[in-house]
């Protein structure tokens, strides 16, 4: 249902999000990465963030489950954008950083632990994962899309089922789109749990 909605609204969604300034959110994530690090933009949408990372010299891979959005992102970034769902990621120690901005929030709560485990396997030992969710708790359907909302308590419960990942940083922000400033977001930086 959610992907079908993005398929139908790919061009308006692209136009509404491609120019949003996300640089304040990039800073904590990129501070954990070496120059030229390998980054996955997971659920890249318009390709806005993938393009920003590439322009800063990072080696960027982008995936997007909506074929029309993937095509628009390819045109915007000049990068190949693979049409792939989170549940199909099967890489092993391939990435230094994974950026999942406003994308995992569409994964049903019951599927989130397995998806996070897939992302954890794709990270190299010192890798970091950024995720963001609309602030709240529970699941809902809105405007033809499924949402899983998280607050601090819901995030802690989720991470209890994903021992591969540990919390590094957690903070809340207002939506970066001026017409949605009243919406709050939970921003999370995770890293792999040390062996032993």
Protein backbone atom coordinates (compact mmCIF):
# COMPACT_ATOMS: atom_id res chain seq x y z
CA UNK A 1 0.00 0.00 0.00
CA UNK A 2 2.71 2.48 1.01
CA UNK A 3 4.94 1.84 -2.01
CA UNK A 4 1.92 2.13 -4.32
CA UNK A 5 1.17 5.56 -2.85
CA UNK A 6 4.74 6.72 -3.49
CA UNK A 7 4.54 5.27 -7.00
CA UNK A 8 1.42 7.33 -7.68
CA UNK A 9 2.75 10.52 -6.07
CA UNK A 10 6.43 10.26 -7.03
CA UNK A 11 6.70 13.63 -8.77
CA UNK A 12 4.90 15.72 -6.11
CA UNK A 13 6.85 13.95 -3.34
CA UNK A 14 10.11 14.59 -5.17
CA UNK A 15 9.27 18.28 -5.60
CA UNK A 16 8.26 18.69 -1.95
CA UNK A 17 11.39 17.09 -0.49
CA UNK A 18 14.33 17.48 -2.87
CA UNK A 19 15.33 20.99 -1.74
CA UNK A 20 14.82 20.61 2.03
CA UNK A 21 18.01 21.56 3.88
CA UNK A 22 19.01 18.51 5.94
CA UNK A 23 22.60 19.58 6.65
CA UNK A 24 22.08 19.96 10.44
CA UNK A 25 21.12 16.26 10.54
CA UNK A 26 24.06 15.20 8.36
CA UNK A 27 26.63 16.60 10.77
CA UNK A 28 26.34 14.09 13.67
CA UNK A 29 26.27 11.16 11.23
CA UNK A 30 29.18 12.27 9.05
CA UNK A 31 31.26 13.12 12.14
CA UNK A 32 31.43 9.37 12.83
CA UNK A 33 32.72 8.52 9.33
CA UNK A 34 36.12 8.80 7.68
CA UNK A 35 36.52 10.85 4.48
CA UNK A 36 35.40 8.85 1.46
CA UNK A 37 33.50 6.31 3.58
CA UNK A 38 30.99 3.96 1.94
CA UNK A 39 27.43 5.16 2.71
CA UNK A 40 24.10 3.54 1.85
CA UNK A 41 21.14 5.90 1.49
CA UNK A 42 18.44 3.39 2.39
CA UNK A 43 15.09 4.47 1.01
CA UNK A 44 16.61 7.48 -0.71
CA UNK A 45 13.36 9.06 -1.90
CA UNK A 46 14.25 12.07 -4.06
CA UNK A 47 17.98 11.33 -3.78
CA UNK A 48 18.54 14.61 -1.94
CA UNK A 49 20.76 13.11 0.76
CA UNK A 50 22.61 10.70 -1.54
CA UNK A 51 23.55 13.63 -3.74
CA UNK A 52 24.72 15.69 -0.76
CA UNK A 53 26.91 12.85 0.50
CA UNK A 54 28.38 12.22 -2.95
CA UNK A 55 29.18 15.92 -3.35
CA UNK A 56 31.09 15.73 -0.05
CA UNK A 57 33.27 12.93 -1.41
CA UNK A 58 31.63 9.85 0.07
CA UNK A 59 31.16 6.59 -1.86
CA UNK A 60 27.37 6.44 -2.05
CA UNK A 61 25.02 3.56 -2.79
CA UNK A 62 21.30 4.31 -2.97
CA UNK A 63 18.23 2.09 -2.83
CA UNK A 64 14.55 3.00 -3.10
CA UNK A 65 11.56 0.62 -3.20
CA UNK A 66 9.41 2.86 -5.44
CA UNK A 67 10.45 2.48 -9.10
CA UNK A 68 9.22 5.96 -10.18
CA UNK A 69 10.99 7.62 -7.25
CA UNK A 70 14.15 5.61 -7.97
CA UNK A 71 14.16 6.94 -11.54
CA UNK A 72 13.74 10.54 -10.34
CA UNK A 73 16.52 10.02 -7.77
CA UNK A 74 18.83 8.67 -10.47
CA UNK A 75 18.28 11.79 -12.55
CA UNK A 76 18.86 14.04 -9.54
CA UNK A 77 21.98 12.30 -8.22
CA UNK A 78 23.65 10.91 -11.32
CA UNK A 79 23.96 7.67 -9.35
CA UNK A 80 22.39 4.30 -10.07
CA UNK A 81 19.49 3.74 -7.68
CA UNK A 82 18.56 0.10 -7.16
CA UNK A 83 14.88 -0.70 -6.66
CA UNK A 84 15.10 -2.68 -3.43
CA UNK A 85 13.15 -3.09 -0.20
CA UNK A 86 14.88 -3.20 3.18
CA UNK A 87 13.72 -6.78 3.60
CA UNK A 88 15.84 -7.77 0.56
CA UNK A 89 19.16 -6.32 1.78
CA UNK A 90 21.63 -9.19 2.08
CA UNK A 91 25.04 -7.48 2.15
CA UNK A 92 27.74 -8.41 4.63
CA UNK A 93 30.24 -5.87 6.05
CA UNK A 94 30.00 -3.71 2.94
CA UNK A 95 29.24 -0.27 4.40
CA UNK A 96 30.74 2.26 6.81
CA UNK A 97 27.49 4.14 7.28
CA UNK A 98 23.79 3.63 6.57
CA UNK A 99 21.47 6.63 6.33
CA UNK A 100 17.80 5.69 6.73
CA UNK A 101 16.13 9.08 6.98
CA UNK A 102 12.33 8.94 7.22
CA UNK A 103 12.28 5.56 5.50
CA UNK A 104 12.24 2.78 8.13
CA UNK A 105 9.15 4.47 9.57
CA UNK A 106 7.14 2.70 6.84
CA UNK A 107 8.27 -0.78 7.96
CA UNK A 108 5.68 -2.55 10.15
CA UNK A 109 6.82 -2.78 13.77
CA UNK A 110 6.88 -6.60 13.70
CA UNK A 111 9.34 -6.51 10.78
CA UNK A 112 11.65 -3.81 12.17
CA UNK A 113 13.91 -6.11 14.24
CA UNK A 114 14.72 -8.30 11.23
CA UNK A 115 15.28 -5.25 9.02
CA UNK A 116 17.62 -3.69 11.57
CA UNK A 117 19.51 -6.98 11.79
CA UNK A 118 19.94 -6.95 8.00
CA UNK A 119 21.28 -3.40 8.16
CA UNK A 120 23.61 -4.34 11.01
CA UNK A 121 25.06 -7.21 8.96
CA UNK A 122 25.72 -4.81 6.08
CA UNK A 123 27.89 -2.59 8.31
CA UNK A 124 31.62 -2.94 8.75
CA UNK A 125 32.77 -3.31 12.38
CA UNK A 126 33.10 0.44 13.03
CA UNK A 127 30.01 1.32 11.02
CA UNK A 128 27.15 3.61 12.09
CA UNK A 129 23.45 3.66 11.30
CA UNK A 130 21.22 6.75 11.32
CA UNK A 131 17.46 6.26 11.46
CA UNK A 132 14.58 8.68 11.99
CA UNK A 133 10.95 8.17 12.89
CA UNK A 134 8.01 10.45 13.48
CA UNK A 135 7.83 11.00 17.22
CA UNK A 136 5.17 8.88 18.90
CA UNK A 137 4.35 5.28 19.68
CA UNK A 138 2.42 2.68 17.72
CA UNK A 139 1.39 2.01 14.16
CA UNK A 140 -1.08 3.89 12.00
CA UNK A 141 -2.20 4.34 8.43
CA UNK A 142 -2.40 7.87 7.08
CA UNK A 143 -3.01 9.18 3.57
CA UNK A 144 -2.49 5.75 2.01
CA UNK A 145 0.78 5.03 3.87
CA UNK A 146 1.68 2.88 6.87
CA UNK A 147 3.67 4.48 9.68
CA UNK A 148 5.50 3.08 12.69
CA UNK A 149 6.07 5.92 15.17
CA UNK A 150 8.70 5.72 17.91
CA UNK A 151 9.50 7.62 21.08
CA UNK A 152 12.34 6.90 23.50
CA UNK A 153 10.48 4.08 25.26
CA UNK A 154 9.37 2.39 22.03
CA UNK A 155 12.90 2.68 20.63
CA UNK A 156 14.38 1.03 23.75
CA UNK A 157 11.90 -1.83 23.42
CA UNK A 158 12.80 -2.24 19.75
CA UNK A 159 16.54 -2.25 20.43
CA UNK A 160 16.05 -4.92 23.11
CA UNK A 161 15.22 -7.28 20.24
CA UNK A 162 18.25 -6.22 18.16
CA UNK A 163 21.32 -6.95 20.32
CA UNK A 164 23.56 -6.38 17.29
CA UNK A 165 23.05 -2.61 17.63
CA UNK A 166 23.80 -0.16 20.43
CA UNK A 167 22.52 3.38 20.91
CA UNK A 168 25.08 6.15 20.37
CA UNK A 169 22.98 9.31 20.25
CA UNK A 170 19.31 10.20 20.41
CA UNK A 171 17.68 13.58 19.83
CA UNK A 172 14.42 15.13 18.66
CA UNK A 173 13.96 17.79 16.01
CA UNK A 174 11.16 19.67 14.33
CA UNK A 175 10.39 18.75 10.74
CA UNK A 176 12.80 20.52 8.36
CA UNK A 177 9.93 21.43 6.03
CA UNK A 178 8.62 24.88 6.99
CA UNK A 179 4.97 23.94 6.55
CA UNK A 180 5.39 20.93 8.90
CA UNK A 181 7.45 22.47 11.69
CA UNK A 182 4.90 21.30 14.28
CA UNK A 183 5.81 17.65 13.55
CA UNK A 184 8.51 16.15 15.76
CA UNK A 185 11.07 13.55 14.71
CA UNK A 186 13.11 11.06 16.71
CA UNK A 187 16.68 10.92 15.36
CA UNK A 188 18.87 7.97 16.30
CA UNK A 189 22.52 7.04 15.75
CA UNK A 190 23.39 3.38 16.31
CA UNK A 191 26.57 1.36 16.07
CA UNK A 192 27.43 -2.32 16.12
CA UNK A 193 27.73 -3.98 19.51
CA UNK A 194 31.40 -4.84 20.14
CA UNK A 195 32.21 -8.55 19.93
CA UNK A 196 32.88 -10.29 23.21
